[in-house]
Amino acid sequence: MKFWCGTAFMNTAELPRVARMLDESGFHGILVSDHLVYPRNPTTPYPATDDGRPFWPPETEWPDAWVLIGAMAAVTERLHFGNNVYVAPARPIVEVAKQVATAAAISGGRVSIGLSAGWNRQEFELLGQDFDNRGPRLNEMIAALRALWKGGWVSWHGEYYDIPELTIEPHPPVPVPILCGGESTPALVRAAHYCDGWVGTAYTLDEAQQWITRIEGYRREFGRADEPFDIIVSLRGEPSLDLYRRAADIGITGVMGAPWTNHDMIHAGDHGHLKESAERFRAPIEKFAEKFVAKLA
């Protein structure tokens, strides 16, 4: 089992120190969330709340994913970095390719990317990207990114992207795993058809099993059932060796969480303790690592 920690709602300046603690304690990786801005007058309803408003306040910090990953990679040796999730189709594709490739080079290949089609039309408009075709465009972006990361002279000619021959250096030293998030049918199909894994949210084991069953069904349809595939989710319930062993048995390869908090506290708006200095997290990190990471990683 791979153990990942999230970074949402934490103090941006403290995260490189937290990453170093996770690295020293044997955690597999850290996942970075993504939002560009909080509009004064939101026009796109947030899909996960009843009133359509985000559950975080406007002043919440959402650092640029790849700047933060580069900073954390520079002070760690083994920790891996990914996203839960990154709204890549809101950005120009060549910019995404460049940022991820640079982070991969700095980290020595310890980078994956977790993609999402996104939900906030205003973010797309601010960056000059089409919101209405974001789903099929993301499908093509996955293949195009893999081509652009090969190194040397590369190009891509598709329905949505037409990139002339060029070089993008540095290129990743090893292939960058591409995962996708989302629970809609197009998102699950995208993960099963095009990606190396799927990033979920927080579930009980029974709920997780339902999503995994659907994804496995799509993977069989696409002839990919025997290929390696990562599934990273948060698990509701008291952490235990039994919980994580049962998770592995149903196909979960990575557990996402944070030893110093839980999913319900975050969604209830209890974020204050996450703004404390990094040293406040050392004890829970080391305790969790001793109880679970060292025994199951």
Protein backbone atom coordinates (compact mmCIF):
# COMPACT_ATOMS: atom_id res chain seq x y z
CA MET A 1 0.00 0.00 0.00
CA LYS A 2 1.22 3.50 -0.88
CA PHE A 3 0.43 6.26 1.60
CA TRP A 4 -0.18 9.77 0.23
CA CYS A 5 -0.87 13.02 2.11
CA GLY A 6 -2.98 15.91 0.89
CA THR A 7 -2.01 19.57 1.13
CA ALA A 8 -5.36 21.39 0.87
CA PHE A 9 -5.98 24.32 3.25
CA MET A 10 -2.45 24.27 4.68
CA ASN A 11 0.02 27.13 5.00
CA THR A 12 1.81 27.25 1.65
CA ALA A 13 5.12 28.44 3.11
CA GLU A 14 5.21 25.48 5.54
CA LEU A 15 4.62 22.75 2.97
CA PRO A 16 8.27 22.13 1.95
CA ARG A 17 9.04 21.40 5.61
CA VAL A 18 6.02 19.09 5.87
CA ALA A 19 7.15 17.31 2.72
CA ARG A 20 10.58 16.74 4.24
CA MET A 21 8.98 15.19 7.35
CA LEU A 22 6.87 12.86 5.18
CA ASP A 23 9.93 11.91 3.18
CA GLU A 24 11.95 11.09 6.30
CA SER A 25 9.05 9.05 7.74
CA GLY A 26 8.66 6.81 4.69
CA PHE A 27 5.42 8.10 3.15
CA HIS A 28 5.13 7.43 -0.57
CA GLY A 29 3.91 10.80 -1.72
CA ILE A 30 2.07 14.08 -1.39
CA LEU A 31 -0.88 15.32 -3.48
CA VAL A 32 -1.49 18.95 -4.43
CA SER A 33 -4.94 20.42 -5.13
CA ASP A 34 -5.70 23.07 -7.73
CA HIS A 35 -7.80 26.21 -7.93
CA LEU A 36 -6.80 29.34 -9.77
CA VAL A 37 -8.87 32.08 -8.08
CA TYR A 38 -11.98 32.70 -6.02
CA PRO A 39 -14.19 35.11 -8.04
CA ARG A 40 -15.91 37.93 -6.20
CA ASN A 41 -19.13 36.95 -7.96
CA PRO A 42 -19.05 33.22 -8.76
CA THR A 43 -21.20 32.27 -11.75
CA THR A 44 -20.51 28.52 -11.88
CA PRO A 45 -22.19 26.46 -9.13
CA TYR A 46 -19.85 24.23 -7.16
CA PRO A 47 -21.17 20.71 -7.87
CA ALA A 48 -20.48 19.18 -4.44
CA THR A 49 -22.61 21.42 -2.19
CA ASP A 50 -26.35 21.91 -1.96
CA ASP A 51 -26.20 25.68 -2.37
CA GLY A 52 -23.60 25.65 -5.15
CA ARG A 53 -21.01 27.59 -3.18
CA PRO A 54 -17.55 26.23 -2.37
CA PHE A 55 -17.12 25.04 1.22
CA TRP A 56 -13.83 26.95 1.60
CA PRO A 57 -13.59 30.72 2.28
CA PRO A 58 -12.31 33.15 -0.38
CA GLU A 59 -8.98 33.69 1.41
CA THR A 60 -8.04 30.00 1.22
CA GLU A 61 -4.57 29.47 -0.25
CA TRP A 62 -4.36 27.43 -3.46
CA PRO A 63 -0.68 27.59 -4.47
CA ASP A 64 0.35 26.88 -8.03
CA ALA A 65 0.75 23.11 -8.15
CA TRP A 66 3.99 22.94 -10.11
CA VAL A 67 5.79 25.75 -8.30
CA LEU A 68 4.94 24.03 -5.02
CA ILE A 69 5.94 20.57 -6.28
CA GLY A 70 9.27 21.94 -7.49
CA ALA A 71 9.92 23.49 -4.07
CA MET A 72 9.04 20.26 -2.25
CA ALA A 73 11.03 18.11 -4.65
CA ALA A 74 14.12 20.21 -4.02
CA VAL A 75 14.15 19.37 -0.29
CA THR A 76 13.21 15.67 -0.48
CA GLU A 77 14.87 12.52 -1.80
CA ARG A 78 12.24 9.78 -2.14
CA LEU A 79 8.80 11.44 -1.83
CA HIS A 80 6.58 11.33 -4.93
CA PHE A 81 4.31 14.14 -6.08
CA GLY A 82 0.91 14.18 -7.76
CA ASN A 83 -2.43 15.97 -7.86
CA ASN A 84 -5.91 15.59 -6.47
CA VAL A 85 -6.55 17.04 -9.02
CA TYR A 86 -5.11 19.43 -11.65
CA VAL A 87 -7.45 21.16 -14.12
CA ALA A 88 -5.14 20.82 -17.10
CA PRO A 89 -7.60 21.77 -19.89
CA ALA A 90 -7.94 25.22 -18.33
CA ARG A 91 -4.30 25.80 -19.29
CA PRO A 92 -2.49 25.95 -22.64
CA ILE A 93 -1.17 22.48 -23.36
CA VAL A 94 2.42 23.50 -24.09
CA GLU A 95 2.56 25.32 -20.75
CA VAL A 96 1.31 22.20 -18.95
CA ALA A 97 3.88 20.06 -20.76
CA LYS A 98 6.69 22.46 -19.84
CA GLN A 99 5.76 22.78 -16.15
CA VAL A 100 5.32 19.06 -15.55
CA ALA A 101 8.50 18.18 -17.44
CA THR A 102 10.51 20.66 -15.39
CA ALA A 103 9.11 19.29 -12.13
CA ALA A 104 9.91 15.76 -13.31
CA ALA A 105 13.48 16.76 -14.08
CA ILE A 106 13.99 18.52 -10.75
CA SER A 107 12.59 15.55 -8.83
CA GLY A 108 14.42 12.86 -10.77
CA GLY A 109 11.17 11.39 -12.08
CA ARG A 110 9.16 11.47 -8.84
CA VAL A 111 6.18 13.16 -10.49
CA SER A 112 2.78 12.02 -11.74
CA ILE A 113 -0.12 14.17 -12.87
CA GLY A 114 -3.73 13.73 -11.80
CA LEU A 115 -6.04 15.41 -14.30
CA SER A 116 -9.61 16.65 -14.17
CA ALA A 117 -11.92 18.32 -16.66
CA GLY A 118 -12.83 20.92 -14.02
CA TRP A 119 -16.11 22.64 -13.19
CA ASN A 120 -15.44 26.40 -12.96
CA ARG A 121 -16.14 28.19 -16.24
CA GLN A 122 -14.65 31.44 -14.95
CA GLU A 123 -11.20 29.90 -14.49
CA PHE A 124 -11.22 28.68 -18.09
CA GLU A 125 -12.28 32.10 -19.35
CA LEU A 126 -9.55 33.86 -17.37
CA LEU A 127 -6.95 31.66 -19.05
CA GLY A 128 -8.46 31.87 -22.52
CA GLN A 129 -9.45 28.19 -22.79
CA ASP A 130 -12.72 26.72 -24.10
CA PHE A 131 -14.88 25.41 -21.26
CA ASP A 132 -17.53 23.69 -23.38
CA ASN A 133 -15.20 21.18 -25.07
CA ARG A 134 -13.02 20.54 -22.03
CA GLY A 135 -13.89 16.84 -21.74
CA PRO A 136 -12.99 15.62 -25.24
CA ARG A 137 -10.11 18.10 -25.31
CA LEU A 138 -8.72 16.55 -22.12
CA ASN A 139 -8.93 13.09 -23.71
CA GLU A 140 -6.74 14.31 -26.57
CA MET A 141 -4.47 16.24 -24.21
CA ILE A 142 -3.49 13.00 -22.45
CA ALA A 143 -2.10 11.46 -25.63
CA ALA A 144 -0.56 14.75 -26.73
CA LEU A 145 1.29 15.25 -23.43
CA ARG A 146 2.81 11.79 -23.70
CA ALA A 147 4.06 12.68 -27.18
CA LEU A 148 5.44 16.07 -26.08
CA TRP A 149 7.35 14.50 -23.17
CA LYS A 150 9.37 12.09 -25.31
CA GLY A 151 12.27 14.49 -25.75
CA GLY A 152 13.98 15.65 -28.93
CA TRP A 153 11.88 16.93 -31.81
CA VAL A 154 8.20 16.37 -31.05
CA SER A 155 4.87 17.45 -32.49
CA TRP A 156 1.15 16.75 -32.25
CA HIS A 157 -1.65 17.09 -34.77
CA GLY A 158 -5.15 16.33 -33.56
CA GLU A 159 -8.69 17.67 -33.49
CA TYR A 160 -8.11 20.20 -30.69
CA TYR A 161 -4.35 20.70 -30.63
CA ASP A 162 -2.02 21.36 -33.54
CA ILE A 163 1.55 21.69 -32.32
CA PRO A 164 4.36 22.07 -34.88
CA GLU A 165 7.67 20.29 -34.49
CA LEU A 166 9.61 21.67 -31.55
CA THR A 167 11.66 20.66 -28.54
CA ILE A 168 10.57 20.96 -24.91
CA GLU A 169 13.54 20.59 -22.62
CA PRO A 170 14.16 19.38 -20.07
CA HIS A 171 11.93 16.41 -20.80
CA PRO A 172 10.96 13.92 -18.08
CA PRO A 173 13.71 11.40 -17.27
CA VAL A 174 11.07 8.63 -17.08
CA PRO A 175 7.47 8.45 -18.36
CA VAL A 176 5.11 10.58 -16.25
CA PRO A 177 2.14 8.52 -14.98
CA ILE A 178 -1.16 10.16 -15.89
CA LEU A 179 -4.14 9.64 -13.60
CA CYS A 180 -7.63 11.14 -13.81
CA GLY A 181 -10.15 12.14 -11.19
CA GLY A 182 -13.90 12.55 -11.21
CA GLU A 183 -16.97 10.40 -10.62
CA SER A 184 -19.03 11.16 -13.73
CA THR A 185 -19.34 8.47 -16.38
CA PRO A 186 -17.08 10.41 -18.82
CA ALA A 187 -14.44 10.78 -16.09
CA LEU A 188 -14.49 7.06 -15.22
CA VAL A 189 -14.35 6.11 -18.89
CA ARG A 190 -11.46 8.54 -19.40
CA ALA A 191 -9.49 6.98 -16.57
CA ALA A 192 -10.16 3.45 -17.80
CA HIS A 193 -9.43 4.18 -21.46
CA TYR A 194 -6.55 6.64 -21.44
CA CYS A 195 -4.95 6.80 -18.00
CA ASP A 196 -2.58 4.97 -15.68
CA GLY A 197 -4.90 5.35 -12.70
CA TRP A 198 -7.82 7.07 -11.02
CA VAL A 199 -7.92 9.51 -8.08
CA GLY A 200 -11.12 9.46 -6.04
CA THR A 201 -12.30 11.38 -2.98
CA ALA A 202 -13.36 9.99 0.41
CA TYR A 203 -15.34 6.74 0.68
CA THR A 204 -16.19 3.82 2.87
CA LEU A 205 -14.76 0.55 1.59
CA ASP A 206 -18.16 -0.44 0.21
CA GLU A 207 -18.47 2.87 -1.65
CA ALA A 208 -14.94 2.56 -3.00
CA GLN A 209 -15.71 -0.96 -4.20
CA GLN A 210 -18.62 0.36 -6.28
CA TRP A 211 -16.41 2.87 -8.09
CA ILE A 212 -13.66 0.30 -8.61
CA THR A 213 -16.13 -2.19 -10.05
CA ARG A 214 -17.31 0.36 -12.61
CA ILE A 215 -13.78 1.30 -13.60
CA GLU A 216 -12.73 -2.33 -13.92
CA GLY A 217 -15.71 -2.95 -16.17
CA TYR A 218 -14.68 -0.12 -18.49
CA ARG A 219 -11.08 -1.34 -18.48
CA ARG A 220 -12.22 -4.77 -19.64
CA GLU A 221 -14.21 -3.13 -22.44
CA PHE A 222 -11.06 -1.35 -23.61
CA GLY A 223 -8.86 -4.44 -23.31
CA ARG A 224 -6.79 -2.97 -20.51
CA ALA A 225 -7.76 -5.22 -17.61
CA ASP A 226 -4.28 -6.76 -17.33
CA GLU A 227 -2.35 -3.47 -17.41
CA PRO A 228 -1.04 -1.85 -14.19
CA PHE A 229 -3.50 0.69 -12.82
CA ASP A 230 -3.35 2.83 -9.67
CA ILE A 231 -6.41 3.70 -7.58
CA ILE A 232 -5.88 6.40 -4.95
CA VAL A 233 -8.69 7.32 -2.53
CA SER A 234 -9.31 8.58 0.99
CA LEU A 235 -10.95 6.08 3.31
CA ARG A 236 -13.60 6.95 5.86
CA GLY A 237 -13.34 5.20 9.18
CA GLU A 238 -10.78 4.75 11.92
CA PRO A 239 -7.31 4.00 10.48
CA SER A 240 -6.27 0.41 11.09
CA LEU A 241 -4.06 -2.27 9.59
CA ASP A 242 -7.20 -4.25 8.80
CA LEU A 243 -8.81 -1.33 6.96
CA TYR A 244 -5.77 -0.83 4.74
CA ARG A 245 -5.31 -4.54 4.08
CA ARG A 246 -8.95 -4.83 3.04
CA ALA A 247 -8.47 -1.79 0.82
CA ALA A 248 -5.57 -3.48 -0.94
CA ASP A 249 -7.69 -6.59 -1.42
CA ILE A 250 -10.30 -4.66 -3.46
CA GLY A 251 -7.71 -2.99 -5.70
CA ILE A 252 -6.85 0.25 -3.91
CA THR A 253 -3.13 0.92 -4.43
CA GLY A 254 -2.85 4.24 -2.58
CA VAL A 255 -4.54 5.75 0.48
CA MET A 256 -4.78 9.52 0.57
CA GLY A 257 -5.13 11.37 3.85
CA ALA A 258 -3.40 13.47 6.46
CA PRO A 259 -2.38 12.10 9.88
CA TRP A 260 -3.18 15.44 11.52
CA THR A 261 -6.83 15.78 10.41
CA ASN A 262 -9.69 14.00 8.68
CA HIS A 263 -12.02 14.51 5.73
CA ASP A 264 -15.09 15.36 7.82
CA MET A 265 -13.28 18.11 9.74
CA ILE A 266 -12.14 19.74 6.50
CA HIS A 267 -15.59 19.69 4.91
CA ALA A 268 -17.07 21.10 8.10
CA GLY A 269 -14.84 24.15 7.67
CA ASP A 270 -12.45 23.27 10.49
CA HIS A 271 -9.25 24.47 8.81
CA GLY A 272 -7.60 26.54 11.54
CA HIS A 273 -5.27 23.82 12.79
CA LEU A 274 -3.96 23.32 9.26
CA LYS A 275 -2.45 26.82 9.27
CA GLU A 276 -0.04 26.09 12.10
CA SER A 277 3.70 25.72 11.65
CA ALA A 278 5.07 22.52 10.16
CA GLU A 279 6.50 21.38 13.48
CA ARG A 280 2.95 20.87 14.78
CA PHE A 281 2.57 17.99 12.26
CA ARG A 282 5.76 16.10 13.13
CA ALA A 283 4.33 13.97 15.94
CA PRO A 284 1.20 12.77 14.05
CA ILE A 285 3.30 12.05 10.94
CA GLU A 286 5.79 9.95 12.89
CA LYS A 287 3.04 8.15 14.84
CA PHE A 288 1.11 7.26 11.69
CA ALA A 289 4.28 6.13 9.95
CA GLU A 290 5.19 3.83 12.83
CA LYS A 291 1.70 2.30 13.09
CA PHE A 292 0.89 1.88 9.40
CA VAL A 293 3.45 3.03 6.81
CA ALA A 294 6.33 0.97 8.15
CA LYS A 295 4.14 -2.15 8.29
CA LEU A 296 2.25 -1.88 5.01
CA ALA A 297 4.22 0.26 2.56
